[in-house]
Amino acid sequence: MLDPKTLENYTALIFDMDGTIIDTMPSHAKAWRKVGEVLGYPIDGQIMYELGGAPVSTIARETMRRYQMPESLFDEVVRLKRQFGFEMVEQNATLLPAFDIIRTQHGKMPMALGTGSHSAMVNLLLEKFNLRPYFNAIVDADQVTHHKPHPETFLRCAELLQVSPKKSLVFEDADLGVQAGLAGGMDVFDVRTQQIIKA
């Protein structure tokens, strides 16, 4: 996936969660479709992929705009998505190849998790796969004001790890996350292309 010697150029590694180290995206897409079934709209989950890395509230707003759903449904859309997302993710999520890097680098360099998911979902997945011991810092959507593509999530990770953003390598699977890493002055390893994008 990535030559271990390449990692010697960095002092810290920062990982996105959904779609990068844990395969949750198909589960989230199913959850969005189920929200549509319950509320009577043909939601297909595609917007979630377009806005990968954004919090559920942002995806809900864009979904409602495109499907011309009334504003009064916002809280219900978010509630249902979280409920169905929990159910689907708990049943179906699996680890992805990027986790191998986390396992092999554990104890060798500081690592952080920087995700657009909210705390309850992050806690569910960290417990499910016993991932908490691998990370020196965890930053989720509930801990930042500005979400990806804003760099706040990743800059906060670097701050907590007490490392320079310029010496941190971000692992991402979504355009918004790649933009966030680059905006923070960090190199980004795109797991989709298996390439490092220089800041």
Protein backbone atom coordinates (compact mmCIF):
# COMPACT_ATOMS: atom_id res chain seq x y z
CA MET A 1 0.00 0.00 0.00
CA LEU A 2 2.72 2.46 1.04
CA ASP A 3 6.46 1.91 1.27
CA PRO A 4 7.38 2.01 5.00
CA LYS A 5 10.53 4.01 4.11
CA THR A 6 8.25 6.82 2.86
CA LEU A 7 6.83 7.15 6.36
CA GLU A 8 10.28 8.05 7.68
CA ASN A 9 9.75 11.51 6.11
CA TYR A 10 7.01 12.24 8.66
CA THR A 11 6.78 12.58 12.44
CA ALA A 12 3.06 11.77 12.77
CA LEU A 13 0.23 10.05 10.91
CA ILE A 14 -3.38 11.27 10.88
CA PHE A 15 -6.19 9.04 9.64
CA ASP A 16 -9.71 9.73 8.48
CA MET A 17 -12.11 6.99 9.66
CA ASP A 18 -15.04 6.24 7.32
CA GLY A 19 -13.85 4.78 4.03
CA THR A 20 -10.19 5.10 5.04
CA ILE A 21 -9.62 2.67 7.90
CA ILE A 22 -13.15 1.30 8.34
CA ASP A 23 -15.49 0.29 5.51
CA THR A 24 -18.66 2.04 6.63
CA MET A 25 -19.69 3.89 3.48
CA PRO A 26 -22.01 1.18 2.02
CA SER A 27 -23.74 0.98 5.41
CA HIS A 28 -24.23 4.75 5.53
CA ALA A 29 -25.59 4.72 1.95
CA LYS A 30 -28.12 2.02 2.94
CA ALA A 31 -29.10 4.10 5.96
CA TRP A 32 -29.78 7.13 3.75
CA ARG A 33 -31.93 5.00 1.43
CA LYS A 34 -33.87 3.75 4.45
CA VAL A 35 -34.46 7.35 5.60
CA GLY A 36 -35.93 8.01 2.17
CA GLU A 37 -38.19 4.95 2.36
CA VAL A 38 -39.54 5.97 5.76
CA LEU A 39 -40.18 9.60 4.76
CA GLY A 40 -41.32 8.91 1.20
CA TYR A 41 -38.43 10.36 -0.83
CA PRO A 42 -36.23 8.47 -3.38
CA ILE A 43 -32.93 9.13 -1.58
CA ASP A 44 -30.13 7.02 -3.08
CA GLY A 45 -27.14 7.84 -0.85
CA GLN A 46 -25.10 9.37 -3.69
CA ILE A 47 -24.96 12.80 -2.01
CA MET A 48 -23.15 11.20 0.93
CA TYR A 49 -20.36 10.06 -1.40
CA GLU A 50 -20.12 13.53 -2.96
CA LEU A 51 -19.80 15.06 0.51
CA GLY A 52 -17.59 12.36 2.02
CA GLY A 53 -16.04 13.67 5.23
CA ALA A 54 -18.86 16.12 5.97
CA PRO A 55 -20.98 15.69 9.13
CA VAL A 56 -24.48 14.19 8.90
CA SER A 57 -26.11 17.61 9.35
CA THR A 58 -24.39 18.97 6.22
CA ILE A 59 -25.34 15.91 4.16
CA ALA A 60 -28.90 16.10 5.49
CA ARG A 61 -29.23 19.75 4.43
CA GLU A 62 -27.99 19.05 0.89
CA THR A 63 -30.16 15.92 0.62
CA MET A 64 -33.25 17.87 1.69
CA ARG A 65 -32.44 20.67 -0.76
CA ARG A 66 -32.09 18.31 -3.71
CA TYR A 67 -35.20 16.29 -2.91
CA GLN A 68 -37.19 19.42 -2.03
CA MET A 69 -37.98 18.19 1.46
CA PRO A 70 -39.56 20.67 3.89
CA GLU A 71 -37.28 22.27 6.48
CA SER A 72 -39.58 20.94 9.22
CA LEU A 73 -38.21 17.43 8.53
CA PHE A 74 -34.58 18.32 9.30
CA ASP A 75 -34.43 17.00 12.87
CA GLU A 76 -36.25 13.81 11.86
CA VAL A 77 -33.93 13.24 8.89
CA VAL A 78 -30.86 13.53 11.15
CA ARG A 79 -32.42 11.37 13.87
CA LEU A 80 -33.41 8.59 11.46
CA LYS A 81 -30.05 8.66 9.67
CA ARG A 82 -28.20 8.28 12.96
CA GLN A 83 -30.51 5.48 14.09
CA PHE A 84 -30.26 3.50 10.85
CA GLY A 85 -26.57 4.31 10.48
CA PHE A 86 -25.84 2.81 13.90
CA GLU A 87 -27.75 -0.36 13.06
CA MET A 88 -26.15 -0.87 9.62
CA VAL A 89 -22.61 0.03 10.65
CA GLU A 90 -22.66 -2.19 13.74
CA GLN A 91 -23.76 -5.15 11.61
CA ASN A 92 -21.64 -4.62 8.49
CA ALA A 93 -18.51 -2.50 9.07
CA THR A 94 -15.09 -4.09 8.40
CA LEU A 95 -11.50 -2.87 8.61
CA LEU A 96 -9.76 -1.66 5.46
CA PRO A 97 -6.11 -2.15 4.34
CA ALA A 98 -5.02 1.23 5.78
CA PHE A 99 -5.42 -0.32 9.23
CA ASP A 100 -2.32 -2.43 8.47
CA ILE A 101 -0.27 0.79 8.53
CA ILE A 102 -1.75 1.72 11.90
CA ARG A 103 -0.94 -1.71 13.30
CA THR A 104 2.65 -1.73 12.02
CA GLN A 105 3.38 1.87 13.09
CA HIS A 106 1.79 1.53 16.53
CA GLY A 107 4.34 2.57 19.15
CA LYS A 108 6.76 3.87 16.51
CA MET A 109 5.21 7.28 15.80
CA PRO A 110 2.25 9.27 17.15
CA MET A 111 -1.06 8.75 15.34
CA ALA A 112 -4.40 10.54 15.42
CA LEU A 113 -7.91 9.95 14.13
CA GLY A 114 -9.55 12.96 12.45
CA THR A 115 -13.11 12.25 11.36
CA GLY A 116 -16.30 13.98 10.27
CA SER A 117 -18.39 11.44 12.18
CA HIS A 118 -20.02 12.43 15.46
CA SER A 119 -18.82 11.15 18.83
CA ALA A 120 -21.41 8.40 19.32
CA MET A 121 -20.58 6.77 15.96
CA VAL A 122 -16.84 7.14 16.56
CA ASN A 123 -17.14 5.51 19.99
CA LEU A 124 -19.20 2.65 18.54
CA LEU A 125 -16.56 1.88 15.91
CA LEU A 126 -13.55 2.34 18.20
CA GLU A 127 -15.09 -0.14 20.64
CA LYS A 128 -16.19 -2.59 17.92
CA PHE A 129 -12.65 -2.91 16.55
CA ASN A 130 -10.74 -2.07 19.76
CA LEU A 131 -8.96 0.81 18.01
CA ARG A 132 -8.67 3.33 20.83
CA PRO A 133 -5.23 2.10 22.03
CA TYR A 134 -3.72 2.82 18.61
CA PHE A 135 -4.42 6.56 18.65
CA ASN A 136 -2.72 9.28 20.71
CA ALA A 137 -5.49 11.74 19.80
CA ILE A 138 -9.03 11.56 18.41
CA VAL A 139 -10.89 14.53 16.89
CA ASP A 140 -14.48 14.09 15.72
CA ALA A 141 -17.21 16.33 14.30
CA ASP A 142 -18.44 17.34 17.76
CA GLN A 143 -15.05 18.80 18.70
CA VAL A 144 -14.59 21.29 15.86
CA THR A 145 -16.43 24.36 14.61
CA HIS A 146 -15.44 24.06 10.95
CA HIS A 147 -15.69 20.71 9.18
CA LYS A 148 -13.81 19.35 6.16
CA PRO A 149 -12.78 20.79 3.67
CA HIS A 150 -11.73 23.28 6.38
CA PRO A 151 -8.44 22.04 7.92
CA GLU A 152 -9.52 22.49 11.56
CA THR A 153 -9.99 18.73 12.22
CA PHE A 154 -6.50 17.82 11.04
CA LEU A 155 -4.82 20.90 12.53
CA ARG A 156 -6.38 20.02 15.89
CA CYS A 157 -4.98 16.48 15.54
CA ALA A 158 -1.48 17.86 14.94
CA GLU A 159 -1.87 20.23 17.88
CA LEU A 160 -2.89 17.40 20.22
CA LEU A 161 0.01 15.26 18.97
CA GLN A 162 2.32 18.27 19.46
CA VAL A 163 3.76 17.93 15.95
CA SER A 164 4.15 20.29 13.02
CA PRO A 165 1.35 19.95 10.44
CA LYS A 166 4.04 20.05 7.74
CA LYS A 167 5.58 16.88 9.18
CA SER A 168 2.23 15.05 9.38
CA LEU A 169 0.85 12.69 6.74
CA VAL A 170 -2.94 12.51 6.39
CA PHE A 171 -4.69 9.37 5.09
CA GLU A 172 -7.97 10.11 3.29
CA ASP A 173 -10.53 8.62 0.91
CA ALA A 174 -12.68 11.64 0.04
CA ASP A 175 -12.17 14.89 -1.87
CA LEU A 176 -13.25 17.11 1.05
CA GLY A 177 -10.79 15.36 3.35
CA VAL A 178 -7.94 15.62 0.85
CA GLN A 179 -8.68 19.35 0.52
CA ALA A 180 -8.71 19.69 4.32
CA GLY A 181 -5.31 18.07 4.70
CA LEU A 182 -3.72 20.12 1.95
CA ALA A 183 -5.29 23.32 3.34
CA GLY A 184 -3.62 22.50 6.66
CA GLY A 185 -0.22 22.31 4.97
CA MET A 186 -0.06 18.51 5.23
CA ASP A 187 0.81 15.91 2.62
CA VAL A 188 -2.09 13.54 1.97
CA PHE A 189 -2.05 9.86 1.05
CA ASP A 190 -5.19 9.23 -1.03
CA VAL A 191 -6.18 5.60 -0.41
CA ARG A 192 -8.20 5.62 -3.64
CA THR A 193 -5.21 6.29 -5.88
CA GLN A 194 -2.49 4.98 -3.51
CA GLN A 195 -0.58 8.21 -4.13
CA ILE A 196 0.80 10.94 -1.87
CA ILE A 197 -0.38 14.44 -2.77
CA LYS A 198 2.15 17.06 -1.66
CA ALA A 199 0.87 20.11 0.21
